[in-house]
Amino acid sequence: MRVVTGIVFIGHGAPKLGLVGERTLSGTAGFLEGIGVPFPMAAAFLVAFFETFGGACLVIGLLTRMWSAGLAFAMLIAVILVHLPHGMFGDGGYQWALLLMACSLALVIEGAGKASLDRAMTR
């Protein structure tokens, strides 16, 4: 679950940073500004950074609980500010963000598991 969740977060964060595809960080900031998020450029960077680099850390199992807590919080904000008006299953609905939040919370509770850098560092 940790590896798959991390890969999904990387896939959502890297485009927001402008690392892949057509999207850019300023485009992400423009979207956030349009929905009333304060300090949209800073918020866009934080979200994109957490999704991309936090996702990468989940894949390798590094500081899993810390990154997962931040990612769960980011998904809670995404559900509330972006997806909730669309309903759970509608176009743009919150089911995906809710699932990612649940996976992140499970990782906060359970940790990285045996095959992780977290485990290797605690031995």
PDB file of N, CA and C in Angstrom:
ATOM      1  N   MET A   1       0.827  -1.185   0.000  1.00  0.00           N
ATOM      2  CA  MET A   1       0.000   0.000   0.000  1.00  0.00           C
ATOM      3  C   MET A   1       0.878   1.258   0.000  1.00  0.00           C
ATOM      4  N   ARG A   2       1.974   1.207   0.741  1.00  0.00           N
ATOM      5  CA  ARG A   2       2.865   2.361   0.821  1.00  0.00           C
ATOM      6  C   ARG A   2       3.438   2.710  -0.548  1.00  0.00           C
ATOM      7  N   VAL A   3       3.897   1.713  -1.289  1.00  0.00           N
ATOM      8  CA  VAL A   3       4.523   1.950  -2.590  1.00  0.00           C
ATOM      9  C   VAL A   3       3.497   2.465  -3.599  1.00  0.00           C
ATOM     10  N   VAL A   4       2.345   1.833  -3.651  1.00  0.00           N
ATOM     11  CA  VAL A   4       1.316   2.253  -4.614  1.00  0.00           C
ATOM     12  C   VAL A   4       0.811   3.654  -4.281  1.00  0.00           C
ATOM     13  N   THR A   5       0.574   3.924  -3.006  1.00  0.00           N
ATOM     14  CA  THR A   5       0.121   5.254  -2.596  1.00  0.00           C
ATOM     15  C   THR A   5       1.164   6.302  -2.967  1.00  0.00           C
ATOM     16  N   GLY A   6       2.433   5.980  -2.744  1.00  0.00           N
ATOM     17  CA  GLY A   6       3.506   6.904  -3.103  1.00  0.00           C
ATOM     18  C   GLY A   6       3.565   7.179  -4.590  1.00  0.00           C
ATOM     19  N   ILE A   7       3.420   6.135  -5.393  1.00  0.00           N
ATOM     20  CA  ILE A   7       3.444   6.312  -6.849  1.00  0.00           C
ATOM     21  C   ILE A   7       2.286   7.191  -7.310  1.00  0.00           C
ATOM     22  N   VAL A   8       1.117   6.977  -6.734  1.00  0.00           N
ATOM     23  CA  VAL A   8      -0.049   7.803  -7.107  1.00  0.00           C
ATOM     24  C   VAL A   8       0.202   9.262  -6.734  1.00  0.00           C
ATOM     25  N   PHE A   9       0.750   9.505  -5.553  1.00  0.00           N
ATOM     26  CA  PHE A   9       1.036  10.892  -5.162  1.00  0.00           C
ATOM     27  C   PHE A   9       2.075  11.523  -6.093  1.00  0.00           C
ATOM     28  N   ILE A  10       3.114  10.791  -6.458  1.00  0.00           N
ATOM     29  CA  ILE A  10       4.106  11.323  -7.397  1.00  0.00           C
ATOM     30  C   ILE A  10       3.418  11.693  -8.711  1.00  0.00           C
ATOM     31  N   GLY A  11       2.533  10.815  -9.184  1.00  0.00           N
ATOM     32  CA  GLY A  11       1.822  11.058 -10.435  1.00  0.00           C
ATOM     33  C   GLY A  11       0.932  12.284 -10.400  1.00  0.00           C
ATOM     34  N   HIS A  12       0.486  12.672  -9.218  1.00  0.00           N
ATOM     35  CA  HIS A  12      -0.338  13.871  -9.095  1.00  0.00           C
ATOM     36  C   HIS A  12       0.491  15.111  -8.777  1.00  0.00           C
ATOM     37  N   GLY A  13       1.607  14.937  -8.100  1.00  0.00           N
ATOM     38  CA  GLY A  13       2.412  16.083  -7.701  1.00  0.00           C
ATOM     39  C   GLY A  13       3.371  16.572  -8.767  1.00  0.00           C
ATOM     40  N   ALA A  14       4.010  15.663  -9.488  1.00  0.00           N
ATOM     41  CA  ALA A  14       5.017  16.056 -10.485  1.00  0.00           C
ATOM     42  C   ALA A  14       4.447  16.992 -11.553  1.00  0.00           C
ATOM     43  N   PRO A  15       3.244  16.741 -12.071  1.00  0.00           N
ATOM     44  CA  PRO A  15       2.698  17.705 -13.035  1.00  0.00           C
ATOM     45  C   PRO A  15       2.440  19.083 -12.418  1.00  0.00           C
ATOM     46  N   LYS A  16       2.040  19.116 -11.151  1.00  0.00           N
ATOM     47  CA  LYS A  16       1.793  20.398 -10.491  1.00  0.00           C
ATOM     48  C   LYS A  16       3.075  21.216 -10.379  1.00  0.00           C
ATOM     49  N   LEU A  17       4.204  20.537 -10.267  1.00  0.00           N
ATOM     50  CA  LEU A  17       5.496  21.231 -10.239  1.00  0.00           C
ATOM     51  C   LEU A  17       5.995  21.578 -11.637  1.00  0.00           C
ATOM     52  N   GLY A  18       5.311  21.085 -12.658  1.00  0.00           N
ATOM     53  CA  GLY A  18       5.753  21.315 -14.028  1.00  0.00           C
ATOM     54  C   GLY A  18       6.848  20.365 -14.468  1.00  0.00           C
ATOM     55  N   LEU A  19       7.024  19.260 -13.735  1.00  0.00           N
ATOM     56  CA  LEU A  19       8.083  18.308 -14.071  1.00  0.00           C
ATOM     57  C   LEU A  19       7.711  17.387 -15.221  1.00  0.00           C
ATOM     58  N   VAL A  20       6.426  17.137 -15.405  1.00  0.00           N
ATOM     59  CA  VAL A  20       5.943  16.307 -16.513  1.00  0.00           C
ATOM     60  C   VAL A  20       4.645  16.915 -17.037  1.00  0.00           C
ATOM     61  N   GLY A  21       4.378  16.693 -18.294  1.00  0.00           N
ATOM     62  CA  GLY A  21       3.123  17.161 -18.867  1.00  0.00           C
ATOM     63  C   GLY A  21       3.105  18.652 -19.132  1.00  0.00           C
ATOM     64  N   GLU A  22       1.911  19.149 -19.321  1.00  0.00           N
ATOM     65  CA  GLU A  22       1.709  20.544 -19.729  1.00  0.00           C
ATOM     66  C   GLU A  22       1.497  21.491 -18.560  1.00  0.00           C
ATOM     67  N   ARG A  23       1.216  20.967 -17.379  1.00  0.00           N
ATOM     68  CA  ARG A  23       0.893  21.827 -16.242  1.00  0.00           C
ATOM     69  C   ARG A  23       2.137  22.522 -15.715  1.00  0.00           C
ATOM     70  N   THR A  24       1.903  23.602 -14.981  1.00  0.00           N
ATOM     71  CA  THR A  24       2.992  24.352 -14.370  1.00  0.00           C
ATOM     72  C   THR A  24       2.617  24.699 -12.931  1.00  0.00           C
ATOM     73  N   LEU A  25       3.605  25.084 -12.168  1.00  0.00           N
ATOM     74  CA  LEU A  25       3.352  25.515 -10.801  1.00  0.00           C
ATOM     75  C   LEU A  25       2.478  26.767 -10.783  1.00  0.00           C
ATOM     76  N   SER A  26       2.733  27.679 -11.711  1.00  0.00           N
ATOM     77  CA  SER A  26       1.907  28.890 -11.754  1.00  0.00           C
ATOM     78  C   SER A  26       0.468  28.574 -12.157  1.00  0.00           C
ATOM     79  N   GLY A  27       0.272  27.567 -12.997  1.00  0.00           N
ATOM     80  CA  GLY A  27      -1.079  27.147 -13.340  1.00  0.00           C
ATOM     81  C   GLY A  27      -1.803  26.555 -12.139  1.00  0.00           C
ATOM     82  N   THR A  28      -1.076  25.783 -11.351  1.00  0.00           N
ATOM     83  CA  THR A  28      -1.646  25.227 -10.126  1.00  0.00           C
ATOM     84  C   THR A  28      -1.998  26.351  -9.167  1.00  0.00           C
ATOM     85  N   ALA A  29      -1.116  27.334  -9.045  1.00  0.00           N
ATOM     86  CA  ALA A  29      -1.391  28.486  -8.183  1.00  0.00           C
ATOM     87  C   ALA A  29      -2.606  29.258  -8.669  1.00  0.00           C
ATOM     88  N   GLY A  30      -2.744  29.407  -9.976  1.00  0.00           N
ATOM     89  CA  GLY A  30      -3.909  30.090 -10.534  1.00  0.00           C
ATOM     90  C   GLY A  30      -5.201  29.373 -10.198  1.00  0.00           C
ATOM     91  N   PHE A  31      -5.179  28.048 -10.259  1.00  0.00           N
ATOM     92  CA  PHE A  31      -6.360  27.273  -9.888  1.00  0.00           C
ATOM     93  C   PHE A  31      -6.698  27.497  -8.416  1.00  0.00           C
ATOM     94  N   LEU A  32      -5.682  27.422  -7.549  1.00  0.00           N
ATOM     95  CA  LEU A  32      -5.914  27.612  -6.123  1.00  0.00           C
ATOM     96  C   LEU A  32      -6.415  29.024  -5.815  1.00  0.00           C
ATOM     97  N   GLU A  33      -5.864  29.993  -6.507  1.00  0.00           N
ATOM     98  CA  GLU A  33      -6.336  31.370  -6.327  1.00  0.00           C
ATOM     99  C   GLU A  33      -7.804  31.491  -6.722  1.00  0.00           C
ATOM    100  N   GLY A  34      -8.184  30.803  -7.796  1.00  0.00           N
ATOM    101  CA  GLY A  34      -9.559  30.844  -8.285  1.00  0.00           C
ATOM    102  C   GLY A  34     -10.577  30.262  -7.315  1.00  0.00           C
ATOM    103  N   ILE A  35     -10.130  29.355  -6.443  1.00  0.00           N
ATOM    104  CA  ILE A  35     -11.062  28.798  -5.462  1.00  0.00           C
ATOM    105  C   ILE A  35     -10.898  29.442  -4.085  1.00  0.00           C
ATOM    106  N   GLY A  36     -10.104  30.521  -4.036  1.00  0.00           N
ATOM    107  CA  GLY A  36     -10.012  31.308  -2.810  1.00  0.00           C
ATOM    108  C   GLY A  36      -8.960  30.881  -1.813  1.00  0.00           C
ATOM    109  N   VAL A  37      -7.997  30.073  -2.224  1.00  0.00           N
ATOM    110  CA  VAL A  37      -6.932  29.661  -1.311  1.00  0.00           C
ATOM    111  C   VAL A  37      -5.982  30.839  -1.106  1.00  0.00           C
ATOM    112  N   PRO A  38      -5.718  31.209   0.156  1.00  0.00           N
ATOM    113  CA  PRO A  38      -4.774  32.309   0.392  1.00  0.00           C
ATOM    114  C   PRO A  38      -3.345  31.901   0.040  1.00  0.00           C
ATOM    115  N   PHE A  39      -2.545  32.884  -0.336  1.00  0.00           N
ATOM    116  CA  PHE A  39      -1.155  32.645  -0.720  1.00  0.00           C
ATOM    117  C   PHE A  39      -1.058  31.494  -1.723  1.00  0.00           C
ATOM    118  N   PRO A  40      -1.691  31.634  -2.873  1.00  0.00           N
ATOM    119  CA  PRO A  40      -1.818  30.504  -3.796  1.00  0.00           C
ATOM    120  C   PRO A  40      -0.491  29.945  -4.318  1.00  0.00           C
ATOM    121  N   MET A  41       0.509  30.774  -4.545  1.00  0.00           N
ATOM    122  CA  MET A  41       1.785  30.248  -5.041  1.00  0.00           C
ATOM    123  C   MET A  41       2.469  29.408  -3.963  1.00  0.00           C
ATOM    124  N   ALA A  42       2.461  29.885  -2.738  1.00  0.00           N
ATOM    125  CA  ALA A  42       3.051  29.110  -1.639  1.00  0.00           C
ATOM    126  C   ALA A  42       2.270  27.818  -1.424  1.00  0.00           C
ATOM    127  N   ALA A  43       0.949  27.902  -1.460  1.00  0.00           N
ATOM    128  CA  ALA A  43       0.113  26.718  -1.280  1.00  0.00           C
ATOM    129  C   ALA A  43       0.350  25.710  -2.411  1.00  0.00           C
ATOM    130  N   ALA A  44       0.454  26.209  -3.641  1.00  0.00           N
ATOM    131  CA  ALA A  44       0.698  25.321  -4.789  1.00  0.00           C
ATOM    132  C   ALA A  44       2.036  24.606  -4.633  1.00  0.00           C
ATOM    133  N   PHE A  45       3.058  25.345  -4.230  1.00  0.00           N
ATOM    134  CA  PHE A  45       4.364  24.726  -4.046  1.00  0.00           C
ATOM    135  C   PHE A  45       4.311  23.668  -2.950  1.00  0.00           C
ATOM    136  N   LEU A  46       3.684  23.995  -1.824  1.00  0.00           N
ATOM    137  CA  LEU A  46       3.609  23.033  -0.717  1.00  0.00           C
ATOM    138  C   LEU A  46       2.874  21.766  -1.114  1.00  0.00           C
ATOM    139  N   VAL A  47       1.741  21.921  -1.779  1.00  0.00           N
ATOM    140  CA  VAL A  47       0.974  20.755  -2.202  1.00  0.00           C
ATOM    141  C   VAL A  47       1.780  19.921  -3.196  1.00  0.00           C
ATOM    142  N   ALA A  48       2.344  20.574  -4.202  1.00  0.00           N
ATOM    143  CA  ALA A  48       3.102  19.857  -5.226  1.00  0.00           C
ATOM    144  C   ALA A  48       4.340  19.199  -4.630  1.00  0.00           C
ATOM    145  N   PHE A  49       5.022  19.897  -3.724  1.00  0.00           N
ATOM    146  CA  PHE A  49       6.205  19.344  -3.074  1.00  0.00           C
ATOM    147  C   PHE A  49       5.846  18.133  -2.234  1.00  0.00           C
ATOM    148  N   PHE A  50       4.809  18.271  -1.399  1.00  0.00           N
ATOM    149  CA  PHE A  50       4.405  17.153  -0.551  1.00  0.00           C
ATOM    150  C   PHE A  50       3.984  15.953  -1.381  1.00  0.00           C
ATOM    151  N   GLU A  51       3.210  16.189  -2.440  1.00  0.00           N
ATOM    152  CA  GLU A  51       2.758  15.061  -3.257  1.00  0.00           C
ATOM    153  C   GLU A  51       3.926  14.389  -3.977  1.00  0.00           C
ATOM    154  N   THR A  52       4.830  15.171  -4.536  1.00  0.00           N
ATOM    155  CA  THR A  52       5.941  14.607  -5.314  1.00  0.00           C
ATOM    156  C   THR A  52       7.005  13.979  -4.420  1.00  0.00           C
ATOM    157  N   PHE A  53       7.570  14.778  -3.535  1.00  0.00           N
ATOM    158  CA  PHE A  53       8.672  14.275  -2.722  1.00  0.00           C
ATOM    159  C   PHE A  53       8.184  13.419  -1.559  1.00  0.00           C
ATOM    160  N   GLY A  54       7.023  13.741  -1.024  1.00  0.00           N
ATOM    161  CA  GLY A  54       6.425  12.874  -0.018  1.00  0.00           C
ATOM    162  C   GLY A  54       6.082  11.529  -0.612  1.00  0.00           C
ATOM    163  N   GLY A  55       5.546  11.531  -1.824  1.00  0.00           N
ATOM    164  CA  GLY A  55       5.245  10.280  -2.510  1.00  0.00           C
ATOM    165  C   GLY A  55       6.501   9.458  -2.741  1.00  0.00           C
ATOM    166  N   ALA A  56       7.580  10.118  -3.142  1.00  0.00           N
ATOM    167  CA  ALA A  56       8.850   9.405  -3.355  1.00  0.00           C
ATOM    168  C   ALA A  56       9.360   8.805  -2.046  1.00  0.00           C
ATOM    169  N   CYS A  57       9.210   9.537  -0.964  1.00  0.00           N
ATOM    170  CA  CYS A  57       9.635   9.010   0.339  1.00  0.00           C
ATOM    171  C   CYS A  57       8.766   7.834   0.770  1.00  0.00           C
ATOM    172  N   LEU A  58       7.483   7.867   0.422  1.00  0.00           N
ATOM    173  CA  LEU A  58       6.637   6.709   0.717  1.00  0.00           C
ATOM    174  C   LEU A  58       7.119   5.481  -0.056  1.00  0.00           C
ATOM    175  N   VAL A  59       7.478   5.668  -1.306  1.00  0.00           N
ATOM    176  CA  VAL A  59       7.923   4.540  -2.128  1.00  0.00           C
ATOM    177  C   VAL A  59       9.122   3.842  -1.486  1.00  0.00           C
ATOM    178  N   ILE A  60      10.064   4.606  -0.980  1.00  0.00           N
ATOM    179  CA  ILE A  60      11.256   3.997  -0.378  1.00  0.00           C
ATOM    180  C   ILE A  60      11.103   3.762   1.128  1.00  0.00           C
ATOM    181  N   GLY A  61      10.017   4.261   1.699  1.00  0.00           N
ATOM    182  CA  GLY A  61       9.768   4.042   3.116  1.00  0.00           C
ATOM    183  C   GLY A  61      10.624   4.900   4.015  1.00  0.00           C
ATOM    184  N   LEU A  62      10.809   6.174   3.659  1.00  0.00           N
ATOM    185  CA  LEU A  62      11.628   7.099   4.439  1.00  0.00           C
ATOM    186  C   LEU A  62      10.746   8.134   5.128  1.00  0.00           C
ATOM    187  N   LEU A  63      10.807   8.182   6.434  1.00  0.00           N
ATOM    188  CA  LEU A  63       9.991   9.115   7.234  1.00  0.00           C
ATOM    189  C   LEU A  63       8.516   8.986   6.879  1.00  0.00           C
ATOM    190  N   THR A  64       8.085   7.761   6.788  1.00  0.00           N
ATOM    191  CA  THR A  64       6.749   7.432   6.286  1.00  0.00           C
ATOM    192  C   THR A  64       5.639   8.085   7.090  1.00  0.00           C
ATOM    193  N   ARG A  65       5.710   8.015   8.389  1.00  0.00           N
ATOM    194  CA  ARG A  65       4.636   8.590   9.210  1.00  0.00           C
ATOM    195  C   ARG A  65       4.539  10.096   9.031  1.00  0.00           C
ATOM    196  N   MET A  66       5.675  10.779   8.991  1.00  0.00           N
ATOM    197  CA  MET A  66       5.668  12.232   8.829  1.00  0.00           C
ATOM    198  C   MET A  66       5.058  12.627   7.480  1.00  0.00           C
ATOM    199  N   TRP A  67       5.561  12.034   6.393  1.00  0.00           N
ATOM    200  CA  TRP A  67       5.044  12.373   5.066  1.00  0.00           C
ATOM    201  C   TRP A  67       3.575  12.000   4.945  1.00  0.00           C
ATOM    202  N   SER A  68       3.200  10.860   5.497  1.00  0.00           N
ATOM    203  CA  SER A  68       1.811  10.418   5.402  1.00  0.00           C
ATOM    204  C   SER A  68       0.871  11.363   6.134  1.00  0.00           C
ATOM    205  N   ALA A  69       1.294  11.877   7.271  1.00  0.00           N
ATOM    206  CA  ALA A  69       0.458  12.839   8.008  1.00  0.00           C
ATOM    207  C   ALA A  69       0.244  14.101   7.174  1.00  0.00           C
ATOM    208  N   GLY A  70       1.310  14.600   6.570  1.00  0.00           N
ATOM    209  CA  GLY A  70       1.190  15.788   5.715  1.00  0.00           C
ATOM    210  C   GLY A  70       0.316  15.539   4.498  1.00  0.00           C
ATOM    211  N   LEU A  71       0.464  14.375   3.906  1.00  0.00           N
ATOM    212  CA  LEU A  71      -0.339  14.038   2.728  1.00  0.00           C
ATOM    213  C   LEU A  71      -1.807  13.832   3.094  1.00  0.00           C
ATOM    214  N   ALA A  72      -2.072  13.241   4.248  1.00  0.00           N
ATOM    215  CA  ALA A  72      -3.460  13.089   4.698  1.00  0.00           C
ATOM    216  C   ALA A  72      -4.102  14.455   4.901  1.00  0.00           C
ATOM    217  N   PHE A  73      -3.356  15.380   5.485  1.00  0.00           N
ATOM    218  CA  PHE A  73      -3.869  16.738   5.684  1.00  0.00           C
ATOM    219  C   PHE A  73      -4.130  17.412   4.337  1.00  0.00           C
ATOM    220  N   ALA A  74      -3.205  17.255   3.404  1.00  0.00           N
ATOM    221  CA  ALA A  74      -3.392  17.842   2.073  1.00  0.00           C
ATOM    222  C   ALA A  74      -4.645  17.293   1.402  1.00  0.00           C
ATOM    223  N   MET A  75      -4.896  15.995   1.556  1.00  0.00           N
ATOM    224  CA  MET A  75      -6.093  15.398   0.945  1.00  0.00           C
ATOM    225  C   MET A  75      -7.370  15.853   1.646  1.00  0.00           C
ATOM    226  N   LEU A  76      -7.313  16.071   2.953  1.00  0.00           N
ATOM    227  CA  LEU A  76      -8.469  16.615   3.666  1.00  0.00           C
ATOM    228  C   LEU A  76      -8.819  17.994   3.120  1.00  0.00           C
ATOM    229  N   ILE A  77      -7.817  18.827   2.929  1.00  0.00           N
ATOM    230  CA  ILE A  77      -8.041  20.169   2.370  1.00  0.00           C
ATOM    231  C   ILE A  77      -8.567  20.053   0.945  1.00  0.00           C
ATOM    232  N   ALA A  78      -8.022  19.124   0.155  1.00  0.00           N
ATOM    233  CA  ALA A  78      -8.499  18.928  -1.223  1.00  0.00           C
ATOM    234  C   ALA A  78      -9.968  18.508  -1.236  1.00  0.00           C
ATOM    235  N   VAL A  79     -10.337  17.604  -0.330  1.00  0.00           N
ATOM    236  CA  VAL A  79     -11.744  17.181  -0.259  1.00  0.00           C
ATOM    237  C   VAL A  79     -12.628  18.376   0.043  1.00  0.00           C
ATOM    238  N   ILE A  80     -12.256  19.156   1.041  1.00  0.00           N
ATOM    239  CA  ILE A  80     -13.098  20.269   1.490  1.00  0.00           C
ATOM    240  C   ILE A  80     -13.156  21.394   0.456  1.00  0.00           C
ATOM    241  N   LEU A  81     -12.010  21.817  -0.050  1.00  0.00           N
ATOM    242  CA  LEU A  81     -11.970  23.007  -0.908  1.00  0.00           C
ATOM    243  C   LEU A  81     -12.243  22.735  -2.380  1.00  0.00           C
ATOM    244  N   VAL A  82     -11.893  21.554  -2.855  1.00  0.00           N
ATOM    245  CA  VAL A  82     -11.967  21.301  -4.298  1.00  0.00           C
ATOM    246  C   VAL A  82     -13.088  20.324  -4.655  1.00  0.00           C
ATOM    247  N   HIS A  83     -13.147  19.197  -3.999  1.00  0.00           N
ATOM    248  CA  HIS A  83     -13.977  18.089  -4.469  1.00  0.00           C
ATOM    249  C   HIS A  83     -15.365  17.977  -3.845  1.00  0.00           C
ATOM    250  N   LEU A  84     -15.551  18.468  -2.639  1.00  0.00           N
ATOM    251  CA  LEU A  84     -16.821  18.288  -1.939  1.00  0.00           C
ATOM    252  C   LEU A  84     -18.034  18.788  -2.716  1.00  0.00           C
ATOM    253  N   PRO A  85     -17.954  19.938  -3.387  1.00  0.00           N
ATOM    254  CA  PRO A  85     -19.126  20.411  -4.127  1.00  0.00           C
ATOM    255  C   PRO A  85     -19.570  19.479  -5.255  1.00  0.00           C
ATOM    256  N   HIS A  86     -18.690  18.592  -5.701  1.00  0.00           N
ATOM    257  CA  HIS A  86     -19.011  17.683  -6.806  1.00  0.00           C
ATOM    258  C   HIS A  86     -19.621  16.368  -6.338  1.00  0.00           C
ATOM    259  N   GLY A  87     -19.748  16.199  -5.031  1.00  0.00           N
ATOM    260  CA  GLY A  87     -20.266  14.948  -4.498  1.00  0.00           C
ATOM    261  C   GLY A  87     -19.186  13.882  -4.466  1.00  0.00           C
ATOM    262  N   MET A  88     -19.550  12.741  -3.952  1.00  0.00           N
ATOM    263  CA  MET A  88     -18.555  11.685  -3.817  1.00  0.00           C
ATOM    264  C   MET A  88     -18.165  11.085  -5.163  1.00  0.00           C
ATOM    265  N   PHE A  89     -19.149  10.816  -6.017  1.00  0.00           N
ATOM    266  CA  PHE A  89     -18.867  10.078  -7.242  1.00  0.00           C
ATOM    267  C   PHE A  89     -19.026  10.889  -8.518  1.00  0.00           C
ATOM    268  N   GLY A  90     -19.397  12.153  -8.433  1.00  0.00           N
ATOM    269  CA  GLY A  90     -19.560  12.964  -9.629  1.00  0.00           C
ATOM    270  C   GLY A  90     -18.226  13.289 -10.276  1.00  0.00           C
ATOM    271  N   ASP A  91     -18.274  13.919 -11.439  1.00  0.00           N
ATOM    272  CA  ASP A  91     -17.061  14.360 -12.117  1.00  0.00           C
ATOM    273  C   ASP A  91     -16.328  15.327 -11.194  1.00  0.00           C
ATOM    274  N   GLY A  92     -15.100  14.995 -10.823  1.00  0.00           N
ATOM    275  CA  GLY A  92     -14.358  15.807  -9.865  1.00  0.00           C
ATOM    276  C   GLY A  92     -14.740  15.506  -8.427  1.00  0.00           C
ATOM    277  N   GLY A  93     -15.426  14.395  -8.211  1.00  0.00           N
ATOM    278  CA  GLY A  93     -15.872  14.022  -6.871  1.00  0.00           C
ATOM    279  C   GLY A  93     -14.713  13.724  -5.931  1.00  0.00           C
ATOM    280  N   TYR A  94     -15.039  13.568  -4.677  1.00  0.00           N
ATOM    281  CA  TYR A  94     -14.004  13.444  -3.653  1.00  0.00           C
ATOM    282  C   TYR A  94     -13.584  12.014  -3.325  1.00  0.00           C
ATOM    283  N   GLN A  95     -14.105  11.014  -4.052  1.00  0.00           N
ATOM    284  CA  GLN A  95     -13.780   9.634  -3.705  1.00  0.00           C
ATOM    285  C   GLN A  95     -12.278   9.350  -3.777  1.00  0.00           C
ATOM    286  N   TRP A  96     -11.591   9.867  -4.762  1.00  0.00           N
ATOM    287  CA  TRP A  96     -10.160   9.595  -4.945  1.00  0.00           C
ATOM    288  C   TRP A  96      -9.337  10.246  -3.840  1.00  0.00           C
ATOM    289  N   ALA A  97      -9.613  11.519  -3.548  1.00  0.00           N
ATOM    290  CA  ALA A  97      -8.888  12.206  -2.482  1.00  0.00           C
ATOM    291  C   ALA A  97      -9.178  11.565  -1.130  1.00  0.00           C
ATOM    292  N   LEU A  98     -10.416  11.120  -0.926  1.00  0.00           N
ATOM    293  CA  LEU A  98     -10.784  10.449   0.318  1.00  0.00           C
ATOM    294  C   LEU A  98     -10.022   9.131   0.464  1.00  0.00           C
ATOM    295  N   LEU A  99      -9.904   8.380  -0.610  1.00  0.00           N
ATOM    296  CA  LEU A  99      -9.154   7.126  -0.578  1.00  0.00           C
ATOM    297  C   LEU A  99      -7.679   7.375  -0.281  1.00  0.00           C
ATOM    298  N   LEU A 100      -7.089   8.377  -0.926  1.00  0.00           N
ATOM    299  CA  LEU A 100      -5.687   8.705  -0.656  1.00  0.00           C
ATOM    300  C   LEU A 100      -5.501   9.168   0.781  1.00  0.00           C
ATOM    301  N   MET A 101      -6.469   9.907   1.318  1.00  0.00           N
ATOM    302  CA  MET A 101      -6.396  10.331   2.705  1.00  0.00           C
ATOM    303  C   MET A 101      -6.449   9.116   3.630  1.00  0.00           C
ATOM    304  N   ALA A 102      -7.336   8.161   3.353  1.00  0.00           N
ATOM    305  CA  ALA A 102      -7.443   6.964   4.172  1.00  0.00           C
ATOM    306  C   ALA A 102      -6.158   6.133   4.123  1.00  0.00           C
ATOM    307  N   CYS A 103      -5.581   5.973   2.937  1.00  0.00           N
ATOM    308  CA  CYS A 103      -4.318   5.239   2.812  1.00  0.00           C
ATOM    309  C   CYS A 103      -3.214   5.939   3.597  1.00  0.00           C
ATOM    310  N   SER A 104      -3.172   7.256   3.495  1.00  0.00           N
ATOM    311  CA  SER A 104      -2.154   8.023   4.224  1.00  0.00           C
ATOM    312  C   SER A 104      -2.330   7.871   5.730  1.00  0.00           C
ATOM    313  N   LEU A 105      -3.567   7.925   6.202  1.00  0.00           N
ATOM    314  CA  LEU A 105      -3.814   7.757   7.638  1.00  0.00           C
ATOM    315  C   LEU A 105      -3.443   6.346   8.106  1.00  0.00           C
ATOM    316  N   ALA A 106      -3.702   5.348   7.273  1.00  0.00           N
ATOM    317  CA  ALA A 106      -3.308   3.984   7.618  1.00  0.00           C
ATOM    318  C   ALA A 106      -1.790   3.886   7.758  1.00  0.00           C
ATOM    319  N   LEU A 107      -1.064   4.583   6.909  1.00  0.00           N
ATOM    320  CA  LEU A 107       0.398   4.574   6.993  1.00  0.00           C
ATOM    321  C   LEU A 107       0.895   5.333   8.217  1.00  0.00           C
ATOM    322  N   VAL A 108       0.183   6.373   8.622  1.00  0.00           N
ATOM    323  CA  VAL A 108       0.532   7.065   9.863  1.00  0.00           C
ATOM    324  C   VAL A 108       0.417   6.087  11.036  1.00  0.00           C
ATOM    325  N   ILE A 109      -0.648   5.318  11.044  1.00  0.00           N
ATOM    326  CA  ILE A 109      -0.908   4.384  12.147  1.00  0.00           C
ATOM    327  C   ILE A 109       0.030   3.188  12.106  1.00  0.00           C
ATOM    328  N   GLU A 110       0.179   2.579  10.932  1.00  0.00           N
ATOM    329  CA  GLU A 110       0.922   1.320  10.812  1.00  0.00           C
ATOM    330  C   GLU A 110       2.406   1.489  10.527  1.00  0.00           C
ATOM    331  N   GLY A 111       2.807   2.610   9.971  1.00  0.00           N
ATOM    332  CA  GLY A 111       4.205   2.800   9.623  1.00  0.00           C
ATOM    333  C   GLY A 111       4.549   2.186   8.274  1.00  0.00           C
ATOM    334  N   ALA A 112       5.824   2.161   7.977  1.00  0.00           N
ATOM    335  CA  ALA A 112       6.307   1.796   6.647  1.00  0.00           C
ATOM    336  C   ALA A 112       6.352   0.295   6.384  1.00  0.00           C
ATOM    337  N   GLY A 113       6.457  -0.499   7.397  1.00  0.00           N
ATOM    338  CA  GLY A 113       6.566  -1.939   7.194  1.00  0.00           C
ATOM    339  C   GLY A 113       8.009  -2.417   7.172  1.00  0.00           C
ATOM    340  N   LYS A 114       8.173  -3.706   6.923  1.00  0.00           N
ATOM    341  CA  LYS A 114       9.486  -4.342   7.009  1.00  0.00           C
ATOM    342  C   LYS A 114      10.439  -3.901   5.911  1.00  0.00           C
ATOM    343  N   ALA A 115       9.978  -3.807   4.682  1.00  0.00           N
ATOM    344  CA  ALA A 115      10.854  -3.477   3.556  1.00  0.00           C
ATOM    345  C   ALA A 115      10.866  -1.966   3.346  1.00  0.00           C
ATOM    346  N   SER A 116      11.550  -1.264   4.251  1.00  0.00           N
ATOM    347  CA  SER A 116      11.566   0.199   4.169  1.00  0.00           C
ATOM    348  C   SER A 116      12.856   0.739   4.765  1.00  0.00           C
ATOM    349  N   LEU A 117      13.165   1.959   4.387  1.00  0.00           N
ATOM    350  CA  LEU A 117      14.324   2.615   5.009  1.00  0.00           C
ATOM    351  C   LEU A 117      14.046   2.938   6.466  1.00  0.00           C
ATOM    352  N   ASP A 118      12.803   3.223   6.810  1.00  0.00           N
ATOM    353  CA  ASP A 118      12.451   3.473   8.207  1.00  0.00           C
ATOM    354  C   ASP A 118      12.869   2.282   9.073  1.00  0.00           C
ATOM    355  N   ARG A 119      12.531   1.083   8.636  1.00  0.00           N
ATOM    356  CA  ARG A 119      12.868  -0.134   9.392  1.00  0.00           C
ATOM    357  C   ARG A 119      14.379  -0.311   9.448  1.00  0.00           C
ATOM    358  N   ALA A 120      15.046  -0.104   8.320  1.00  0.00           N
ATOM    359  CA  ALA A 120      16.499  -0.279   8.280  1.00  0.00           C
ATOM    360  C   ALA A 120      17.206   0.704   9.212  1.00  0.00           C
ATOM    361  N   MET A 121      16.685   1.921   9.314  1.00  0.00           N
ATOM    362  CA  MET A 121      17.317   2.941  10.152  1.00  0.00           C
ATOM    363  C   MET A 121      17.085   2.698  11.649  1.00  0.00           C
ATOM    364  N   THR A 122      16.034   1.970  11.992  1.00  0.00           N
ATOM    365  CA  THR A 122      15.758   1.727  13.407  1.00  0.00           C
ATOM    366  C   THR A 122      16.435   0.468  13.941  1.00  0.00           C
ATOM    367  N   ARG A 123      17.095  -0.279  13.079  1.00  0.00           N
ATOM    368  CA  ARG A 123      17.796  -1.497  13.527  1.00  0.00           C
ATOM    369  C   ARG A 123      19.138  -1.196  14.083  1.00  0.00           C
TER     370      ARG A 123
END
